[in-house]
Amino acid sequence: MLTATGCTPAIYTNIQKSYPARTEESPVLVYDLADTVPAPAQTLGSVWIKDSGFSTGCSYENIIRLAKNETNKIGGNGLHVVWHKKPAALGKSCHQISADMLLLPDSVYTASYARNAEAQQARIAQYSGTPEIVPADKTDPERKKVNPRYNILHASAGYSMLTSEFKFPRNCDGDPKHWVSVDAGYQWISRIGLGVGIRYTGHFTSGKQRYVSMDSDYEKLNISLHYIAPEIALYQNVGRRWTFHESVGIGYMRYFEGMMHNTESIGGFGVHGTAGFNYRIKPWLGIGAHVLVQHARFDPEKSRTLRQRMSKDNTTMTHISFNGGLSFYFF
């Protein structure tokens, strides 16, 4: 029997025997591939859940929930996973399983329920990318905390403050200390929480130069800084949803200034450091905030315009940014 609706995973069942259906979402014991199924268990049939090609909602937790629902429909109370294919970076993005649907005697079901529920939560935590919280008195090696490897795409925006001395041209309205900041990047994080990545940051501000041309009473002055750098990142998971992270890197920054059809730019090397947190809304989606500090050094002698903006004794630009945004996790 095949069940498939819209973008949900495809469900195939082979039913050998059935009993009166249990209510939907009734607890079902789940035994993993390496688990030993109690001898009195009766096999009622099998269920196979796979990617339909355009499936959504196919996390491990949801796939197991669908298999439990099929088990409840035929009166079963146990599920033994006999095959499990995990998502792959260049393959299917879904968890896919094949499992036997079981009927366990009430005595076995009751005696095994608590420990089985704990084991289920441990597997869900492992495959969802959040660490299991292990009580201090639990020493069972099967309950070892597992942090998966994952890839992160992040994007954020916020306020940036220039702390070094910097001046707008004469007769120019605006505040050269306050900028808009955007930040985006990619990170690969290992099981121990240490990873590498690449980061782009842009800072933008503008002013109005008065009485520059005969056509209008002002011309807009646009100033931007663009920075790209490799970085080393460190992540610490706290509980099931909170993550704290830090990163440092060395990269290249370029300063742009333009008015009308005239644009001037100059480049220099810089360093950056970040510290922040994420709250995991979904296993694949987090929301968070971070502080970013960037410092770059330029050679004003190579730019007449930049010589006018910076003091003779200070050829650096330092920004402190406060950004908020989203992170997307791929396992």
Protein backbone atom coordinates (compact mmCIF):
# COMPACT_ATOMS: atom_id res chain seq x y z
CA MET A 1 0.00 0.00 0.00
CA LEU A 2 1.33 3.46 -0.96
CA THR A 3 0.44 6.68 0.83
CA ALA A 4 1.72 10.01 -0.52
CA THR A 5 0.23 13.49 -0.22
CA GLY A 6 1.71 16.61 -1.82
CA CYS A 7 5.28 17.14 -0.65
CA THR A 8 5.15 14.61 2.20
CA PRO A 9 7.44 11.56 2.14
CA ALA A 10 6.09 8.46 0.37
CA ILE A 11 4.86 5.73 2.75
CA TYR A 12 4.70 2.07 1.68
CA THR A 13 3.16 -0.57 3.96
CA ASN A 14 2.92 -4.36 3.82
CA ILE A 15 0.35 -5.54 6.38
CA GLN A 16 0.26 -9.20 7.40
CA LYS A 17 -2.09 -8.94 10.36
CA SER A 18 -3.97 -6.15 12.10
CA TYR A 19 -5.84 -5.45 15.33
CA PRO A 20 -8.20 -2.64 16.36
CA ALA A 21 -6.50 0.68 15.71
CA ARG A 22 -5.00 2.63 18.57
CA THR A 23 -5.57 6.35 18.84
CA GLU A 24 -3.29 8.52 16.73
CA GLU A 25 -0.07 9.63 18.49
CA SER A 26 -0.33 6.77 21.01
CA PRO A 27 3.17 5.95 22.33
CA VAL A 28 5.03 3.39 20.23
CA LEU A 29 8.29 1.79 21.36
CA VAL A 30 11.07 2.17 18.77
CA TYR A 31 14.00 -0.24 18.48
CA ASP A 32 16.97 0.87 16.40
CA LEU A 33 19.00 -1.30 14.03
CA ALA A 34 21.40 -2.53 16.70
CA ASP A 35 18.72 -3.03 19.38
CA THR A 36 17.46 -6.46 20.41
CA VAL A 37 13.72 -6.86 19.96
CA PRO A 38 11.96 -8.69 22.85
CA ALA A 39 11.26 -12.32 21.94
CA PRO A 40 7.47 -12.19 22.54
CA ALA A 41 7.06 -9.46 19.90
CA GLN A 42 4.66 -10.28 17.07
CA THR A 43 5.36 -8.86 13.60
CA LEU A 44 2.24 -7.32 12.06
CA GLY A 45 3.81 -5.98 8.88
CA SER A 46 6.40 -3.55 7.58
CA VAL A 47 6.55 0.12 6.66
CA TRP A 48 8.95 1.88 4.30
CA ILE A 49 9.19 5.67 4.25
CA LYS A 50 11.24 7.31 1.51
CA ASP A 51 11.79 10.62 -0.22
CA SER A 52 9.09 11.22 -2.84
CA GLY A 53 11.40 13.53 -4.79
CA PHE A 54 10.04 16.83 -3.47
CA SER A 55 9.56 15.89 0.16
CA THR A 56 9.52 18.35 3.03
CA GLY A 57 9.23 17.62 6.73
CA CYS A 58 11.47 14.58 6.51
CA SER A 59 13.63 15.02 9.58
CA TYR A 60 14.38 11.86 11.55
CA GLU A 61 11.84 12.84 14.20
CA ASN A 62 9.07 13.34 11.65
CA ILE A 63 9.89 10.15 9.70
CA ILE A 64 9.67 8.11 12.91
CA ARG A 65 6.40 9.85 13.78
CA LEU A 66 4.91 8.82 10.42
CA ALA A 67 6.03 5.22 10.97
CA LYS A 68 4.48 5.24 14.45
CA ASN A 69 1.18 6.46 13.00
CA GLU A 70 1.12 3.56 10.54
CA THR A 71 1.83 1.18 13.43
CA ASN A 72 -1.03 2.61 15.50
CA LYS A 73 -3.42 2.19 12.54
CA ILE A 74 -3.02 -1.60 12.64
CA GLY A 75 -3.06 -1.88 16.43
CA GLY A 76 0.69 -2.20 16.94
CA ASN A 77 2.73 -0.70 19.77
CA GLY A 78 6.30 -1.34 18.65
CA LEU A 79 8.56 -0.47 15.73
CA HIS A 80 11.87 -2.06 14.76
CA VAL A 81 13.99 -0.04 12.31
CA VAL A 82 15.80 -2.49 10.02
CA TRP A 83 17.17 0.01 7.47
CA HIS A 84 18.01 3.69 7.79
CA LYS A 85 19.48 5.93 5.08
CA LYS A 86 20.63 9.31 6.32
CA PRO A 87 20.64 12.56 4.30
CA ALA A 88 23.70 13.15 2.13
CA ALA A 89 25.24 16.43 0.99
CA LEU A 90 25.06 15.37 -2.68
CA GLY A 91 22.09 13.04 -2.44
CA LYS A 92 18.67 12.88 -0.81
CA SER A 93 17.98 15.47 1.85
CA CYS A 94 15.60 13.17 3.78
CA HIS A 95 15.93 10.46 6.36
CA GLN A 96 14.55 7.23 4.86
CA ILE A 97 13.71 4.10 6.83
CA SER A 98 12.29 0.61 6.61
CA ALA A 99 10.84 -0.90 9.78
CA ASP A 100 8.85 -3.85 11.12
CA MET A 101 5.59 -2.97 12.88
CA LEU A 102 5.23 -4.97 16.09
CA LEU A 103 2.72 -5.91 18.76
CA LEU A 104 4.35 -6.28 22.17
CA PRO A 105 2.68 -7.93 25.18
CA ASP A 106 1.42 -5.37 27.69
CA SER A 107 3.90 -6.55 30.33
CA VAL A 108 6.87 -6.07 27.98
CA TYR A 109 5.53 -2.74 26.72
CA THR A 110 5.10 -1.36 30.25
CA ALA A 111 8.47 -2.61 31.53
CA SER A 112 10.38 -1.22 28.54
CA TYR A 113 8.56 2.08 28.08
CA ALA A 114 10.71 4.46 30.18
CA ARG A 115 14.11 3.29 28.93
CA ASN A 116 12.90 3.10 25.33
CA ALA A 117 11.52 6.66 25.48
CA GLU A 118 14.91 7.92 26.71
CA ALA A 119 16.69 6.11 23.87
CA GLN A 120 14.28 7.64 21.34
CA GLN A 121 14.99 11.14 22.62
CA ALA A 122 18.73 10.49 22.40
CA ARG A 123 18.47 9.46 18.74
CA ILE A 124 16.24 12.43 17.89
CA ALA A 125 18.77 14.78 19.53
CA GLN A 126 21.61 13.13 17.60
CA TYR A 127 19.96 13.42 14.20
CA SER A 128 18.45 16.87 14.78
CA GLY A 129 21.84 18.46 15.36
CA THR A 130 21.26 19.28 19.04
CA PRO A 131 23.13 17.51 21.83
CA GLU A 132 21.38 15.24 24.24
CA ILE A 133 21.32 16.46 27.84
CA VAL A 134 22.75 13.57 29.85
CA PRO A 135 22.00 13.52 33.58
CA ALA A 136 25.08 13.26 35.78
CA ASP A 137 23.99 9.89 37.19
CA LYS A 138 23.64 8.28 33.75
CA THR A 139 26.78 6.38 32.76
CA ASP A 140 25.28 4.12 30.09
CA PRO A 141 27.65 4.37 27.08
CA GLU A 142 24.64 4.24 24.76
CA ARG A 143 23.67 7.66 26.14
CA LYS A 144 26.92 9.34 25.16
CA LYS A 145 26.49 12.92 23.93
CA VAL A 146 26.95 13.21 20.17
CA ASN A 147 27.50 16.49 18.34
CA PRO A 148 27.12 16.06 14.59
CA ARG A 149 29.18 17.75 11.92
CA TYR A 150 27.22 20.44 10.13
CA ASN A 151 27.43 23.26 7.61
CA ILE A 152 26.04 26.71 8.36
CA LEU A 153 24.95 29.53 6.09
CA HIS A 154 24.33 32.76 8.00
CA ALA A 155 23.14 36.25 7.13
CA SER A 156 22.52 39.26 9.36
CA ALA A 157 22.22 43.04 9.42
CA GLY A 158 22.46 45.76 12.01
CA TYR A 159 24.15 48.90 13.29
CA SER A 160 27.85 49.64 12.93
CA MET A 161 29.83 52.29 14.81
CA LEU A 162 33.15 53.68 13.59
CA THR A 163 35.47 54.22 16.55
CA SER A 164 38.48 55.64 14.69
CA GLU A 165 38.83 59.25 13.52
CA PHE A 166 37.15 59.86 10.19
CA LYS A 167 35.79 63.04 8.59
CA PHE A 168 33.22 63.88 5.93
CA PRO A 169 34.16 66.59 3.43
CA ARG A 170 33.48 70.22 4.24
CA ASN A 171 29.84 71.31 3.79
CA CYS A 172 28.67 67.69 3.95
CA ASP A 173 25.69 66.81 6.16
CA GLY A 174 25.72 63.43 7.89
CA ASP A 175 27.35 61.53 10.73
CA PRO A 176 30.50 59.62 9.69
CA LYS A 177 30.43 57.59 12.92
CA HIS A 178 27.19 55.71 12.23
CA TRP A 179 26.94 53.05 9.52
CA VAL A 180 24.62 50.22 8.41
CA SER A 181 26.23 46.78 8.56
CA VAL A 182 25.47 43.55 6.66
CA ASP A 183 27.19 40.25 7.31
CA ALA A 184 27.03 36.83 5.62
CA GLY A 185 29.10 33.69 5.38
CA TYR A 186 29.55 29.94 5.40
CA GLN A 187 31.00 27.75 8.16
CA TRP A 188 31.83 24.06 8.48
CA ILE A 189 31.78 22.86 12.09
CA SER A 190 33.30 19.56 13.26
CA ARG A 191 31.97 17.24 15.96
CA ILE A 192 34.15 18.91 18.60
CA GLY A 193 32.72 22.35 17.80
CA LEU A 194 35.79 23.68 15.96
CA GLY A 195 35.45 24.73 12.34
CA VAL A 196 36.45 26.97 9.47
CA GLY A 197 34.56 29.35 7.23
CA ILE A 198 34.51 32.44 5.08
CA ARG A 199 32.85 35.75 5.95
CA TYR A 200 31.78 38.85 4.03
CA THR A 201 30.96 42.12 5.79
CA GLY A 202 29.80 45.41 4.32
CA HIS A 203 29.49 48.78 6.07
CA PHE A 204 27.55 51.61 4.43
CA THR A 205 27.01 55.29 5.17
CA SER A 206 26.21 58.43 3.22
CA GLY A 207 26.18 62.21 3.43
CA LYS A 208 24.81 65.15 1.47
CA GLN A 209 27.32 67.54 -0.07
CA ARG A 210 25.66 70.95 -0.42
CA TYR A 211 26.00 73.26 -3.40
CA VAL A 212 28.20 70.97 -5.40
CA SER A 213 26.56 71.44 -8.80
CA MET A 214 24.30 73.92 -10.51
CA ASP A 215 21.59 71.31 -11.09
CA SER A 216 20.66 70.74 -7.46
CA ASP A 217 21.37 72.08 -4.03
CA TYR A 218 23.19 68.91 -2.94
CA GLU A 219 24.90 65.79 -4.19
CA LYS A 220 24.85 62.48 -2.35
CA LEU A 221 28.14 61.11 -1.05
CA ASN A 222 28.16 57.29 -0.74
CA ILE A 223 30.83 55.57 1.34
CA SER A 224 31.19 51.82 1.84
CA LEU A 225 33.64 49.29 3.22
CA HIS A 226 33.72 45.71 1.92
CA TYR A 227 35.60 42.97 3.76
CA ILE A 228 36.11 39.28 3.01
CA ALA A 229 38.15 36.82 5.05
CA PRO A 230 38.63 33.17 5.96
CA GLU A 231 38.04 32.45 9.62
CA ILE A 232 38.31 29.92 12.40
CA ALA A 233 35.05 29.33 14.30
CA LEU A 234 34.19 27.77 17.64
CA TYR A 235 30.69 26.58 18.66
CA GLN A 236 29.37 25.54 22.07
CA ASN A 237 25.95 23.86 22.33
CA VAL A 238 24.05 24.59 25.55
CA GLY A 239 20.97 22.44 26.01
CA ARG A 240 18.90 21.41 23.02
CA ARG A 241 18.43 24.80 21.36
CA TRP A 242 21.04 27.35 22.45
CA THR A 243 24.43 27.75 20.79
CA PHE A 244 27.21 30.22 21.57
CA HIS A 245 29.84 30.91 18.93
CA GLU A 246 33.04 32.86 18.33
CA SER A 247 35.28 33.41 15.31
CA VAL A 248 38.49 35.18 14.29
CA GLY A 249 40.01 35.82 10.88
CA ILE A 250 42.38 37.85 8.71
CA GLY A 251 41.24 39.24 5.38
CA TYR A 252 41.10 42.05 2.86
CA MET A 253 39.07 45.27 3.15
CA ARG A 254 38.35 47.82 0.44
CA TYR A 255 37.12 51.38 0.91
CA PHE A 256 34.85 52.97 -1.71
CA GLU A 257 33.73 56.58 -1.95
CA GLY A 258 31.57 57.95 -4.72
CA MET A 259 29.80 61.16 -5.68
CA MET A 260 28.02 61.61 -9.01
CA HIS A 261 30.11 59.68 -11.54
CA ASN A 262 33.35 59.86 -9.59
CA THR A 263 34.40 56.86 -7.50
CA GLU A 264 37.62 56.29 -5.61
CA SER A 265 38.74 53.20 -3.71
CA ILE A 266 41.68 51.90 -1.75
CA GLY A 267 42.43 48.51 -0.20
CA GLY A 268 44.10 47.24 2.94
CA PHE A 269 44.40 44.19 5.15
CA GLY A 270 42.30 43.70 8.27
CA VAL A 271 41.36 41.39 11.11
CA HIS A 272 38.01 40.56 12.68
CA GLY A 273 36.54 38.83 15.69
CA THR A 274 32.95 37.87 16.54
CA ALA A 275 31.00 36.58 19.53
CA GLY A 276 27.31 35.73 19.61
CA PHE A 277 24.53 33.23 20.13
CA ASN A 278 21.85 31.34 18.18
CA TYR A 279 18.51 29.94 19.27
CA ARG A 280 17.45 26.91 17.23
CA ILE A 281 13.82 27.37 16.11
CA LYS A 282 14.00 24.26 13.94
CA PRO A 283 16.79 21.70 13.52
CA TRP A 284 17.74 23.52 10.31
CA LEU A 285 16.95 27.13 11.32
CA GLY A 286 18.34 29.40 14.02
CA ILE A 287 17.87 33.04 14.97
CA GLY A 288 20.52 34.98 16.82
CA ALA A 289 22.71 38.01 17.32
CA HIS A 290 26.42 38.75 17.47
CA VAL A 291 28.98 41.47 18.03
CA LEU A 292 31.58 41.97 15.29
CA VAL A 293 34.81 43.95 15.66
CA GLN A 294 36.85 44.77 12.53
CA HIS A 295 40.13 46.62 12.22
CA ALA A 296 41.83 47.51 8.92
CA ARG A 297 44.90 49.51 7.97
CA PHE A 298 45.16 51.60 4.80
CA ASP A 299 47.85 53.73 3.18
CA PRO A 300 46.25 57.18 2.79
CA GLU A 301 49.19 58.36 0.67
CA LYS A 302 47.80 56.26 -2.16
CA SER A 303 44.51 58.17 -2.09
CA ARG A 304 44.11 61.94 -2.01
CA THR A 305 40.50 61.59 -0.87
CA LEU A 306 41.32 59.24 1.98
CA ARG A 307 44.06 61.59 3.20
CA GLN A 308 41.33 64.17 3.72
CA ARG A 309 39.16 61.74 5.71
CA MET A 310 41.74 60.36 8.14
CA SER A 311 44.17 62.01 10.53
CA LYS A 312 47.88 62.04 9.81
CA ASP A 313 48.58 59.93 12.88
CA ASN A 314 45.84 57.33 12.34
CA THR A 315 45.67 55.28 9.15
CA THR A 316 43.29 52.63 10.50
CA MET A 317 39.53 52.13 10.56
CA THR A 318 37.85 50.19 13.37
CA HIS A 319 34.16 49.20 13.38
CA ILE A 320 32.04 47.63 16.10
CA SER A 321 28.84 46.10 14.72
CA PHE A 322 25.74 44.76 16.47
CA ASN A 323 23.88 42.44 14.11
CA GLY A 324 20.91 40.10 14.22
CA GLY A 325 19.92 37.49 11.66
CA LEU A 326 19.31 33.89 10.62
CA SER A 327 21.44 30.75 10.40
CA PHE A 328 20.64 27.74 8.21
CA TYR A 329 22.03 24.32 9.21
CA PHE A 330 22.83 21.50 6.77
CA PHE A 331 24.03 18.10 8.01
